[in-house]
Amino acid sequence: MSLVLPAPDISRALTRISHEILERNAGSSTITLLGIPTRGAHLAKRIAEIISNIEGASIQVGTLDITLHRDDLRMRPPRALMPTTIPALGVEDRNVILVDDVLYSGRTIRAALDALGEIGRPKSVQLAILVDRGHRELPIRADYVGKNIPTASSQSVIVHLTELDGVDEVLVEGSPE
């Protein structure tokens, strides 16, 4: 395994993403962050905290479970549903930013769009990703990317976050083809 993003680089990437979100949305008043469990939910909370510190205002942040919208339910072992928590202002006419740790095939984000559609109709939907590793199977692109890490499809990108794993780091496992 090789370390590709140590903790200071993750922190810098999240700070940069937070500033980019504020610039694109002309502030924080119309923003709702929805993290995709598990790690995306923690990243969304971190981004909300950074934006809150910059703007001096609280940020709408929640989680969006996509389990029942996945197209690979039959191929994976069953897993417990994660909670979906929608902030008080909801998603109607808001600029919703979906947050996840790794963008790979795009299927997770497609499922998130389906799940979001059942909740309401946002003004816009944007995507913030810590790591974009390529190999898209669907026409989905992130609006905010912490780091592009080209990988072979045989490799794995592993994100560890302090909240779950006791350390912040991104590793690549396996050798390039």
N, C-alpha and C. Protein backbone atom coordinates (compact mmCIF):
# COMPACT_ATOMS: atom_id res chain seq x y z
N MET A 1 0.84 -1.18 0.00
CA MET A 1 0.00 0.00 0.00
C MET A 1 0.88 1.24 0.00
N SER A 2 0.44 2.23 -0.75
CA SER A 2 1.19 3.48 -0.74
C SER A 2 0.30 4.63 -0.28
N LEU A 3 0.87 5.48 0.53
CA LEU A 3 0.18 6.65 1.05
C LEU A 3 0.16 7.72 -0.03
N VAL A 4 -1.04 8.16 -0.44
CA VAL A 4 -1.14 9.19 -1.47
C VAL A 4 -1.65 10.52 -0.93
N LEU A 5 -2.34 10.49 0.20
CA LEU A 5 -2.81 11.73 0.84
C LEU A 5 -2.67 11.59 2.35
N PRO A 6 -1.68 12.23 2.94
CA PRO A 6 -1.60 12.24 4.40
C PRO A 6 -2.58 13.27 4.99
N ALA A 7 -2.72 13.27 6.29
CA ALA A 7 -3.69 14.12 6.99
C ALA A 7 -3.60 15.60 6.60
N PRO A 8 -2.40 16.21 6.56
CA PRO A 8 -2.35 17.64 6.20
C PRO A 8 -2.88 17.91 4.78
N ASP A 9 -2.64 17.00 3.87
CA ASP A 9 -3.14 17.17 2.49
C ASP A 9 -4.66 17.04 2.43
N ILE A 10 -5.23 16.14 3.22
CA ILE A 10 -6.69 16.00 3.28
C ILE A 10 -7.29 17.29 3.83
N SER A 11 -6.71 17.82 4.87
CA SER A 11 -7.20 19.06 5.47
C SER A 11 -7.14 20.21 4.47
N ARG A 12 -6.04 20.34 3.74
CA ARG A 12 -5.92 21.39 2.73
C ARG A 12 -6.94 21.20 1.61
N ALA A 13 -7.14 19.97 1.19
CA ALA A 13 -8.10 19.69 0.11
C ALA A 13 -9.51 20.07 0.54
N LEU A 14 -9.90 19.74 1.76
CA LEU A 14 -11.24 20.08 2.25
C LEU A 14 -11.42 21.58 2.40
N THR A 15 -10.36 22.28 2.81
CA THR A 15 -10.42 23.73 2.91
C THR A 15 -10.59 24.35 1.52
N ARG A 16 -9.84 23.85 0.55
CA ARG A 16 -9.96 24.35 -0.83
C ARG A 16 -11.35 24.10 -1.39
N ILE A 17 -11.86 22.87 -1.19
CA ILE A 17 -13.21 22.53 -1.65
C ILE A 17 -14.23 23.47 -1.01
N SER A 18 -14.09 23.76 0.26
CA SER A 18 -15.02 24.65 0.97
C SER A 18 -15.02 26.04 0.35
N HIS A 19 -13.85 26.58 0.06
CA HIS A 19 -13.76 27.89 -0.58
C HIS A 19 -14.37 27.87 -1.98
N GLU A 20 -14.13 26.81 -2.73
CA GLU A 20 -14.69 26.69 -4.08
C GLU A 20 -16.22 26.63 -4.03
N ILE A 21 -16.76 25.92 -3.06
CA ILE A 21 -18.22 25.84 -2.89
C ILE A 21 -18.78 27.24 -2.62
N LEU A 22 -18.15 27.97 -1.73
CA LEU A 22 -18.61 29.33 -1.41
C LEU A 22 -18.54 30.25 -2.62
N GLU A 23 -17.47 30.16 -3.38
CA GLU A 23 -17.32 31.01 -4.56
C GLU A 23 -18.39 30.70 -5.59
N ARG A 24 -18.60 29.43 -5.87
CA ARG A 24 -19.56 29.05 -6.91
C ARG A 24 -21.00 29.38 -6.52
N ASN A 25 -21.31 29.33 -5.23
CA ASN A 25 -22.68 29.53 -4.77
C ASN A 25 -22.91 30.91 -4.15
N ALA A 26 -21.95 31.80 -4.32
CA ALA A 26 -22.05 33.17 -3.80
C ALA A 26 -22.43 33.20 -2.32
N GLY A 27 -21.70 32.42 -1.54
CA GLY A 27 -21.95 32.35 -0.10
C GLY A 27 -22.62 31.06 0.31
N SER A 28 -23.05 31.03 1.56
CA SER A 28 -23.56 29.78 2.12
C SER A 28 -25.06 29.75 2.35
N SER A 29 -25.76 30.83 2.07
CA SER A 29 -27.17 30.92 2.46
C SER A 29 -28.08 29.93 1.73
N THR A 30 -27.69 29.47 0.53
CA THR A 30 -28.56 28.55 -0.22
C THR A 30 -28.01 27.13 -0.27
N ILE A 31 -26.96 26.87 0.49
CA ILE A 31 -26.27 25.57 0.43
C ILE A 31 -26.84 24.57 1.43
N THR A 32 -27.02 23.34 0.96
CA THR A 32 -27.30 22.19 1.83
C THR A 32 -26.30 21.10 1.45
N LEU A 33 -25.52 20.66 2.41
CA LEU A 33 -24.56 19.57 2.19
C LEU A 33 -25.21 18.25 2.61
N LEU A 34 -25.13 17.25 1.73
CA LEU A 34 -25.62 15.91 2.07
C LEU A 34 -24.47 14.92 1.86
N GLY A 35 -24.01 14.32 2.95
CA GLY A 35 -22.95 13.34 2.88
C GLY A 35 -23.51 11.95 2.63
N ILE A 36 -22.81 11.18 1.81
CA ILE A 36 -23.21 9.81 1.53
C ILE A 36 -22.48 8.91 2.52
N PRO A 37 -23.23 8.21 3.40
CA PRO A 37 -22.58 7.36 4.41
C PRO A 37 -21.70 6.30 3.76
N THR A 38 -20.63 5.97 4.34
CA THR A 38 -20.25 6.32 5.69
C THR A 38 -19.29 7.51 5.69
N ARG A 39 -18.21 7.44 4.93
CA ARG A 39 -17.19 8.48 5.00
C ARG A 39 -17.64 9.82 4.42
N GLY A 40 -18.50 9.79 3.43
CA GLY A 40 -19.00 11.04 2.87
C GLY A 40 -19.75 11.87 3.89
N ALA A 41 -20.44 11.21 4.82
CA ALA A 41 -21.17 11.93 5.87
C ALA A 41 -20.20 12.68 6.77
N HIS A 42 -19.09 12.07 7.12
CA HIS A 42 -18.09 12.73 7.96
C HIS A 42 -17.40 13.86 7.21
N LEU A 43 -17.13 13.65 5.93
CA LEU A 43 -16.51 14.71 5.12
C LEU A 43 -17.46 15.90 4.99
N ALA A 44 -18.76 15.65 4.83
CA ALA A 44 -19.74 16.73 4.73
C ALA A 44 -19.75 17.56 6.01
N LYS A 45 -19.67 16.90 7.16
CA LYS A 45 -19.65 17.63 8.43
C LYS A 45 -18.39 18.48 8.54
N ARG A 46 -17.27 17.96 8.08
CA ARG A 46 -16.03 18.74 8.11
C ARG A 46 -16.11 19.95 7.20
N ILE A 47 -16.63 19.76 6.00
CA ILE A 47 -16.78 20.88 5.06
C ILE A 47 -17.74 21.91 5.64
N ALA A 48 -18.83 21.46 6.25
CA ALA A 48 -19.79 22.38 6.87
C ALA A 48 -19.11 23.20 7.97
N GLU A 49 -18.26 22.56 8.74
CA GLU A 49 -17.55 23.26 9.82
C GLU A 49 -16.59 24.30 9.25
N ILE A 50 -15.88 23.94 8.19
CA ILE A 50 -14.94 24.89 7.56
C ILE A 50 -15.71 26.07 6.99
N ILE A 51 -16.79 25.81 6.28
CA ILE A 51 -17.60 26.89 5.70
C ILE A 51 -18.18 27.77 6.81
N SER A 52 -18.65 27.14 7.87
CA SER A 52 -19.21 27.88 9.00
C SER A 52 -18.16 28.81 9.62
N ASN A 53 -16.93 28.34 9.73
CA ASN A 53 -15.86 29.17 10.28
C ASN A 53 -15.53 30.34 9.35
N ILE A 54 -15.60 30.12 8.05
CA ILE A 54 -15.33 31.17 7.07
C ILE A 54 -16.45 32.20 7.07
N GLU A 55 -17.70 31.72 7.02
CA GLU A 55 -18.87 32.59 6.85
C GLU A 55 -19.44 33.11 8.18
N GLY A 56 -19.14 32.43 9.26
CA GLY A 56 -19.70 32.83 10.54
C GLY A 56 -21.18 32.51 10.68
N ALA A 57 -21.64 31.53 9.91
CA ALA A 57 -23.05 31.13 9.95
C ALA A 57 -23.13 29.62 9.94
N SER A 58 -24.21 29.07 10.50
CA SER A 58 -24.36 27.62 10.48
C SER A 58 -24.75 27.16 9.07
N ILE A 59 -24.34 25.97 8.73
CA ILE A 59 -24.55 25.40 7.41
C ILE A 59 -25.51 24.22 7.53
N GLN A 60 -26.43 24.10 6.58
CA GLN A 60 -27.36 22.98 6.53
C GLN A 60 -26.57 21.73 6.09
N VAL A 61 -26.53 20.72 6.94
CA VAL A 61 -25.79 19.50 6.62
C VAL A 61 -26.60 18.29 7.08
N GLY A 62 -26.60 17.24 6.25
CA GLY A 62 -27.32 16.02 6.58
C GLY A 62 -26.65 14.83 5.90
N THR A 63 -27.35 13.70 5.92
CA THR A 63 -26.84 12.48 5.28
C THR A 63 -27.91 11.91 4.36
N LEU A 64 -27.45 11.21 3.33
CA LEU A 64 -28.36 10.63 2.36
C LEU A 64 -27.98 9.17 2.13
N ASP A 65 -28.78 8.26 2.68
CA ASP A 65 -28.52 6.84 2.48
C ASP A 65 -29.00 6.43 1.09
N ILE A 66 -28.15 5.72 0.37
CA ILE A 66 -28.46 5.34 -1.01
C ILE A 66 -28.67 3.84 -1.16
N THR A 67 -28.61 3.11 -0.08
CA THR A 67 -28.60 1.64 -0.13
C THR A 67 -29.69 1.06 -1.03
N LEU A 68 -30.92 1.49 -0.85
CA LEU A 68 -32.02 0.89 -1.61
C LEU A 68 -32.06 1.34 -3.07
N HIS A 69 -31.23 2.29 -3.43
CA HIS A 69 -31.20 2.80 -4.81
C HIS A 69 -30.02 2.26 -5.61
N ARG A 70 -29.20 1.43 -4.98
CA ARG A 70 -28.03 0.87 -5.67
C ARG A 70 -28.47 -0.15 -6.71
N ASP A 71 -27.73 -0.22 -7.81
CA ASP A 71 -28.06 -1.20 -8.85
C ASP A 71 -27.31 -2.52 -8.66
N ASP A 72 -26.58 -2.64 -7.56
CA ASP A 72 -25.82 -3.86 -7.30
C ASP A 72 -26.26 -4.55 -6.01
N LEU A 73 -27.49 -4.33 -5.59
CA LEU A 73 -27.97 -4.92 -4.34
C LEU A 73 -27.86 -6.43 -4.33
N ARG A 74 -28.15 -7.05 -5.46
CA ARG A 74 -28.10 -8.52 -5.51
C ARG A 74 -26.68 -9.07 -5.54
N MET A 75 -25.72 -8.23 -5.88
CA MET A 75 -24.33 -8.68 -6.00
C MET A 75 -23.53 -8.50 -4.72
N ARG A 76 -24.07 -7.77 -3.75
CA ARG A 76 -23.35 -7.48 -2.51
C ARG A 76 -24.05 -8.15 -1.35
N PRO A 77 -23.31 -8.42 -0.28
CA PRO A 77 -23.97 -8.95 0.92
C PRO A 77 -24.90 -7.89 1.50
N PRO A 78 -25.98 -8.32 2.15
CA PRO A 78 -26.91 -7.34 2.72
C PRO A 78 -26.21 -6.46 3.75
N ARG A 79 -26.63 -5.21 3.81
CA ARG A 79 -26.08 -4.32 4.83
C ARG A 79 -27.21 -3.51 5.43
N ALA A 80 -27.00 -3.08 6.64
CA ALA A 80 -28.02 -2.29 7.34
C ALA A 80 -28.19 -0.95 6.67
N LEU A 81 -29.42 -0.46 6.67
CA LEU A 81 -29.69 0.87 6.14
C LEU A 81 -29.08 1.90 7.08
N MET A 82 -28.52 2.94 6.49
CA MET A 82 -27.96 4.04 7.27
C MET A 82 -29.04 5.11 7.37
N PRO A 83 -28.97 5.96 8.37
CA PRO A 83 -30.00 6.99 8.48
C PRO A 83 -29.85 8.08 7.42
N THR A 84 -30.98 8.53 6.89
CA THR A 84 -31.01 9.71 6.05
C THR A 84 -31.50 10.84 6.94
N THR A 85 -30.72 11.89 7.05
CA THR A 85 -31.12 13.04 7.85
C THR A 85 -31.10 14.27 6.95
N ILE A 86 -32.26 14.87 6.81
CA ILE A 86 -32.40 16.05 5.98
C ILE A 86 -32.48 17.26 6.91
N PRO A 87 -31.66 18.28 6.69
CA PRO A 87 -31.68 19.46 7.57
C PRO A 87 -33.03 20.18 7.53
N ALA A 88 -33.23 21.05 8.49
CA ALA A 88 -34.52 21.73 8.68
C ALA A 88 -35.03 22.44 7.43
N LEU A 89 -34.15 23.06 6.65
CA LEU A 89 -34.60 23.79 5.47
C LEU A 89 -34.86 22.87 4.27
N GLY A 90 -34.59 21.58 4.42
CA GLY A 90 -34.86 20.61 3.36
C GLY A 90 -33.97 20.80 2.15
N VAL A 91 -34.45 20.35 1.00
CA VAL A 91 -33.67 20.45 -0.24
C VAL A 91 -34.37 21.27 -1.32
N GLU A 92 -35.66 21.56 -1.13
CA GLU A 92 -36.42 22.32 -2.13
C GLU A 92 -35.77 23.67 -2.40
N ASP A 93 -35.51 23.95 -3.68
CA ASP A 93 -34.92 25.22 -4.11
C ASP A 93 -33.60 25.55 -3.43
N ARG A 94 -32.87 24.53 -3.00
CA ARG A 94 -31.55 24.72 -2.38
C ARG A 94 -30.48 24.22 -3.35
N ASN A 95 -29.28 24.71 -3.18
CA ASN A 95 -28.13 24.18 -3.90
C ASN A 95 -27.57 23.04 -3.06
N VAL A 96 -27.90 21.83 -3.46
CA VAL A 96 -27.49 20.65 -2.70
C VAL A 96 -26.13 20.19 -3.20
N ILE A 97 -25.21 20.00 -2.26
CA ILE A 97 -23.90 19.46 -2.60
C ILE A 97 -23.81 18.08 -1.99
N LEU A 98 -23.76 17.06 -2.86
CA LEU A 98 -23.53 15.69 -2.42
C LEU A 98 -22.05 15.55 -2.12
N VAL A 99 -21.71 14.87 -1.03
CA VAL A 99 -20.32 14.71 -0.61
C VAL A 99 -20.03 13.23 -0.43
N ASP A 100 -18.93 12.78 -1.07
CA ASP A 100 -18.51 11.39 -0.90
C ASP A 100 -16.99 11.34 -0.87
N ASP A 101 -16.45 10.18 -0.49
CA ASP A 101 -15.00 10.07 -0.37
C ASP A 101 -14.31 9.77 -1.69
N VAL A 102 -14.79 8.77 -2.45
CA VAL A 102 -14.13 8.36 -3.69
C VAL A 102 -15.14 8.30 -4.82
N LEU A 103 -14.78 8.88 -5.96
CA LEU A 103 -15.59 8.75 -7.17
C LEU A 103 -14.88 7.77 -8.08
N TYR A 104 -15.59 6.71 -8.44
CA TYR A 104 -15.01 5.64 -9.26
C TYR A 104 -15.89 5.45 -10.49
N SER A 105 -16.83 4.54 -10.47
CA SER A 105 -17.66 4.25 -11.64
C SER A 105 -18.76 5.29 -11.85
N GLY A 106 -19.18 5.94 -10.79
CA GLY A 106 -20.28 6.90 -10.85
C GLY A 106 -21.61 6.30 -10.40
N ARG A 107 -21.63 5.01 -10.13
CA ARG A 107 -22.88 4.34 -9.77
C ARG A 107 -23.41 4.77 -8.40
N THR A 108 -22.54 5.04 -7.46
CA THR A 108 -22.97 5.52 -6.15
C THR A 108 -23.67 6.88 -6.29
N ILE A 109 -23.12 7.74 -7.12
CA ILE A 109 -23.70 9.07 -7.30
C ILE A 109 -25.03 8.97 -8.05
N ARG A 110 -25.13 8.06 -9.00
CA ARG A 110 -26.41 7.84 -9.68
C ARG A 110 -27.47 7.42 -8.68
N ALA A 111 -27.11 6.54 -7.77
CA ALA A 111 -28.04 6.10 -6.73
C ALA A 111 -28.39 7.27 -5.80
N ALA A 112 -27.42 8.13 -5.51
CA ALA A 112 -27.68 9.29 -4.66
C ALA A 112 -28.65 10.26 -5.34
N LEU A 113 -28.52 10.43 -6.65
CA LEU A 113 -29.45 11.30 -7.38
C LEU A 113 -30.86 10.74 -7.33
N ASP A 114 -30.98 9.41 -7.45
CA ASP A 114 -32.30 8.77 -7.34
C ASP A 114 -32.89 8.98 -5.94
N ALA A 115 -32.07 8.78 -4.91
CA ALA A 115 -32.54 8.95 -3.52
C ALA A 115 -32.94 10.41 -3.27
N LEU A 116 -32.15 11.33 -3.78
CA LEU A 116 -32.45 12.75 -3.60
C LEU A 116 -33.76 13.13 -4.29
N GLY A 117 -34.00 12.54 -5.45
CA GLY A 117 -35.24 12.82 -6.18
C GLY A 117 -36.48 12.42 -5.41
N GLU A 118 -36.37 11.45 -4.53
CA GLU A 118 -37.51 11.05 -3.71
C GLU A 118 -37.77 12.00 -2.54
N ILE A 119 -36.78 12.81 -2.22
CA ILE A 119 -36.90 13.72 -1.08
C ILE A 119 -37.45 15.08 -1.51
N GLY A 120 -37.04 15.54 -2.67
CA GLY A 120 -37.47 16.86 -3.12
C GLY A 120 -36.77 17.26 -4.40
N ARG A 121 -36.98 18.52 -4.77
CA ARG A 121 -36.41 19.04 -6.02
C ARG A 121 -35.50 20.22 -5.70
N PRO A 122 -34.19 19.97 -5.65
CA PRO A 122 -33.25 21.06 -5.38
C PRO A 122 -33.15 22.03 -6.56
N LYS A 123 -32.67 23.22 -6.27
CA LYS A 123 -32.39 24.20 -7.32
C LYS A 123 -31.26 23.67 -8.21
N SER A 124 -30.22 23.12 -7.58
CA SER A 124 -29.11 22.50 -8.31
C SER A 124 -28.52 21.39 -7.45
N VAL A 125 -27.83 20.47 -8.10
CA VAL A 125 -27.12 19.40 -7.39
C VAL A 125 -25.67 19.46 -7.86
N GLN A 126 -24.77 19.55 -6.90
CA GLN A 126 -23.34 19.58 -7.18
C GLN A 126 -22.69 18.41 -6.44
N LEU A 127 -21.47 18.09 -6.83
CA LEU A 127 -20.79 16.93 -6.26
C LEU A 127 -19.40 17.31 -5.78
N ALA A 128 -19.13 17.02 -4.50
CA ALA A 128 -17.81 17.22 -3.90
C ALA A 128 -17.23 15.86 -3.53
N ILE A 129 -16.02 15.61 -3.98
CA ILE A 129 -15.36 14.32 -3.81
C ILE A 129 -13.96 14.54 -3.24
N LEU A 130 -13.56 13.72 -2.30
CA LEU A 130 -12.18 13.81 -1.81
C LEU A 130 -11.21 13.27 -2.85
N VAL A 131 -11.51 12.10 -3.43
CA VAL A 131 -10.61 11.47 -4.41
C VAL A 131 -11.38 11.06 -5.66
N ASP A 132 -10.90 11.49 -6.82
CA ASP A 132 -11.44 11.02 -8.10
C ASP A 132 -10.39 10.09 -8.69
N ARG A 133 -10.75 8.82 -8.83
CA ARG A 133 -9.78 7.83 -9.31
C ARG A 133 -10.00 7.43 -10.76
N GLY A 134 -10.99 8.03 -11.43
CA GLY A 134 -11.24 7.72 -12.84
C GLY A 134 -12.05 6.45 -13.01
N HIS A 135 -12.05 5.90 -14.22
CA HIS A 135 -12.75 4.66 -14.58
C HIS A 135 -14.27 4.79 -14.57
N ARG A 136 -14.78 5.93 -14.98
CA ARG A 136 -16.22 6.16 -14.97
C ARG A 136 -16.97 5.21 -15.89
N GLU A 137 -18.11 4.72 -15.44
CA GLU A 137 -19.02 3.90 -16.24
C GLU A 137 -20.28 4.68 -16.61
N LEU A 138 -20.48 5.81 -15.94
CA LEU A 138 -21.64 6.67 -16.19
C LEU A 138 -21.14 8.10 -16.41
N PRO A 139 -21.90 8.91 -17.14
CA PRO A 139 -21.45 10.28 -17.42
C PRO A 139 -21.64 11.21 -16.22
N ILE A 140 -20.81 11.00 -15.21
CA ILE A 140 -20.89 11.79 -13.98
C ILE A 140 -19.51 12.38 -13.71
N ARG A 141 -19.51 13.68 -13.36
CA ARG A 141 -18.26 14.39 -13.10
C ARG A 141 -18.42 15.19 -11.82
N ALA A 142 -17.38 15.23 -11.01
CA ALA A 142 -17.42 15.99 -9.76
C ALA A 142 -17.19 17.47 -10.04
N ASP A 143 -17.90 18.32 -9.28
CA ASP A 143 -17.71 19.76 -9.36
C ASP A 143 -16.53 20.21 -8.52
N TYR A 144 -16.27 19.49 -7.44
CA TYR A 144 -15.19 19.82 -6.51
C TYR A 144 -14.42 18.55 -6.21
N VAL A 145 -13.11 18.56 -6.45
CA VAL A 145 -12.28 17.37 -6.27
C VAL A 145 -11.09 17.72 -5.39
N GLY A 146 -10.91 16.93 -4.33
CA GLY A 146 -9.75 17.13 -3.48
C GLY A 146 -8.47 16.74 -4.18
N LYS A 147 -8.47 15.57 -4.82
CA LYS A 147 -7.27 15.09 -5.51
C LYS A 147 -7.68 14.08 -6.58
N ASN A 148 -7.14 14.24 -7.78
CA ASN A 148 -7.29 13.24 -8.83
C ASN A 148 -6.15 12.24 -8.67
N ILE A 149 -6.49 10.97 -8.52
CA ILE A 149 -5.48 9.93 -8.37
C ILE A 149 -5.73 8.88 -9.44
N PRO A 150 -5.01 8.96 -10.55
CA PRO A 150 -5.19 7.94 -11.59
C PRO A 150 -4.78 6.56 -11.04
N THR A 151 -5.65 5.59 -11.22
CA THR A 151 -5.39 4.24 -10.73
C THR A 151 -5.68 3.23 -11.82
N ALA A 152 -5.15 2.05 -11.65
CA ALA A 152 -5.54 0.92 -12.49
C ALA A 152 -6.84 0.36 -11.89
N SER A 153 -7.65 -0.25 -12.72
CA SER A 153 -8.92 -0.78 -12.19
C SER A 153 -8.68 -1.91 -11.20
N SER A 154 -7.50 -2.52 -11.22
CA SER A 154 -7.19 -3.59 -10.27
C SER A 154 -6.78 -3.05 -8.90
N GLN A 155 -6.54 -1.76 -8.80
CA GLN A 155 -6.14 -1.16 -7.54
C GLN A 155 -7.37 -0.73 -6.73
N SER A 156 -7.14 -0.51 -5.44
CA SER A 156 -8.20 -0.01 -4.55
C SER A 156 -7.72 1.28 -3.90
N VAL A 157 -8.64 2.21 -3.75
CA VAL A 157 -8.36 3.43 -3.00
C VAL A 157 -9.04 3.29 -1.65
N ILE A 158 -8.27 3.44 -0.59
CA ILE A 158 -8.77 3.26 0.77
C ILE A 158 -8.66 4.59 1.51
N VAL A 159 -9.80 5.08 1.98
CA VAL A 159 -9.84 6.34 2.74
C VAL A 159 -10.05 6.01 4.21
N HIS A 160 -9.15 6.52 5.03
CA HIS A 160 -9.30 6.40 6.48
C HIS A 160 -9.57 7.80 7.03
N LEU A 161 -10.56 7.90 7.89
CA LEU A 161 -10.88 9.17 8.54
C LEU A 161 -10.80 8.99 10.05
N THR A 162 -10.36 10.03 10.72
CA THR A 162 -10.18 9.99 12.16
C THR A 162 -11.44 9.53 12.89
N GLU A 163 -12.61 10.01 12.43
CA GLU A 163 -13.86 9.68 13.11
C GLU A 163 -14.14 8.18 13.14
N LEU A 164 -13.67 7.45 12.15
CA LEU A 164 -13.94 6.01 12.05
C LEU A 164 -12.71 5.14 12.27
N ASP A 165 -11.57 5.63 11.79
CA ASP A 165 -10.37 4.80 11.73
C ASP A 165 -9.23 5.29 12.61
N GLY A 166 -9.40 6.44 13.26
CA GLY A 166 -8.36 6.96 14.14
C GLY A 166 -7.25 7.73 13.43
N VAL A 167 -7.31 7.81 12.10
CA VAL A 167 -6.27 8.51 11.34
C VAL A 167 -6.87 9.01 10.04
N ASP A 168 -6.35 10.15 9.57
CA ASP A 168 -6.73 10.66 8.25
C ASP A 168 -5.64 10.30 7.26
N GLU A 169 -6.02 9.53 6.23
CA GLU A 169 -5.07 9.18 5.17
C GLU A 169 -5.82 8.54 4.02
N VAL A 170 -5.21 8.63 2.84
CA VAL A 170 -5.73 7.94 1.67
C VAL A 170 -4.60 7.07 1.14
N LEU A 171 -4.92 5.79 0.95
CA LEU A 171 -3.94 4.81 0.49
C LEU A 171 -4.40 4.21 -0.85
N VAL A 172 -3.44 3.79 -1.65
CA VAL A 172 -3.73 3.01 -2.85
C VAL A 172 -3.13 1.63 -2.64
N GLU A 173 -3.97 0.62 -2.81
CA GLU A 173 -3.57 -0.76 -2.60
C GLU A 173 -3.49 -1.48 -3.95
N GLY A 174 -2.48 -2.30 -4.11
CA GLY A 174 -2.31 -3.05 -5.35
C GLY A 174 -1.33 -2.35 -6.28
N SER A 175 -0.90 -3.10 -7.29
CA SER A 175 0.06 -2.52 -8.23
C SER A 175 -0.64 -2.18 -9.54
N PRO A 176 -0.13 -1.16 -10.23
CA PRO A 176 -0.74 -0.80 -11.52
C PRO A 176 -0.59 -1.95 -12.51
N GLU A 177 -1.55 -2.04 -13.43
CA GLU A 177 -1.53 -3.13 -14.41
C GLU A 177 -0.39 -2.98 -15.38
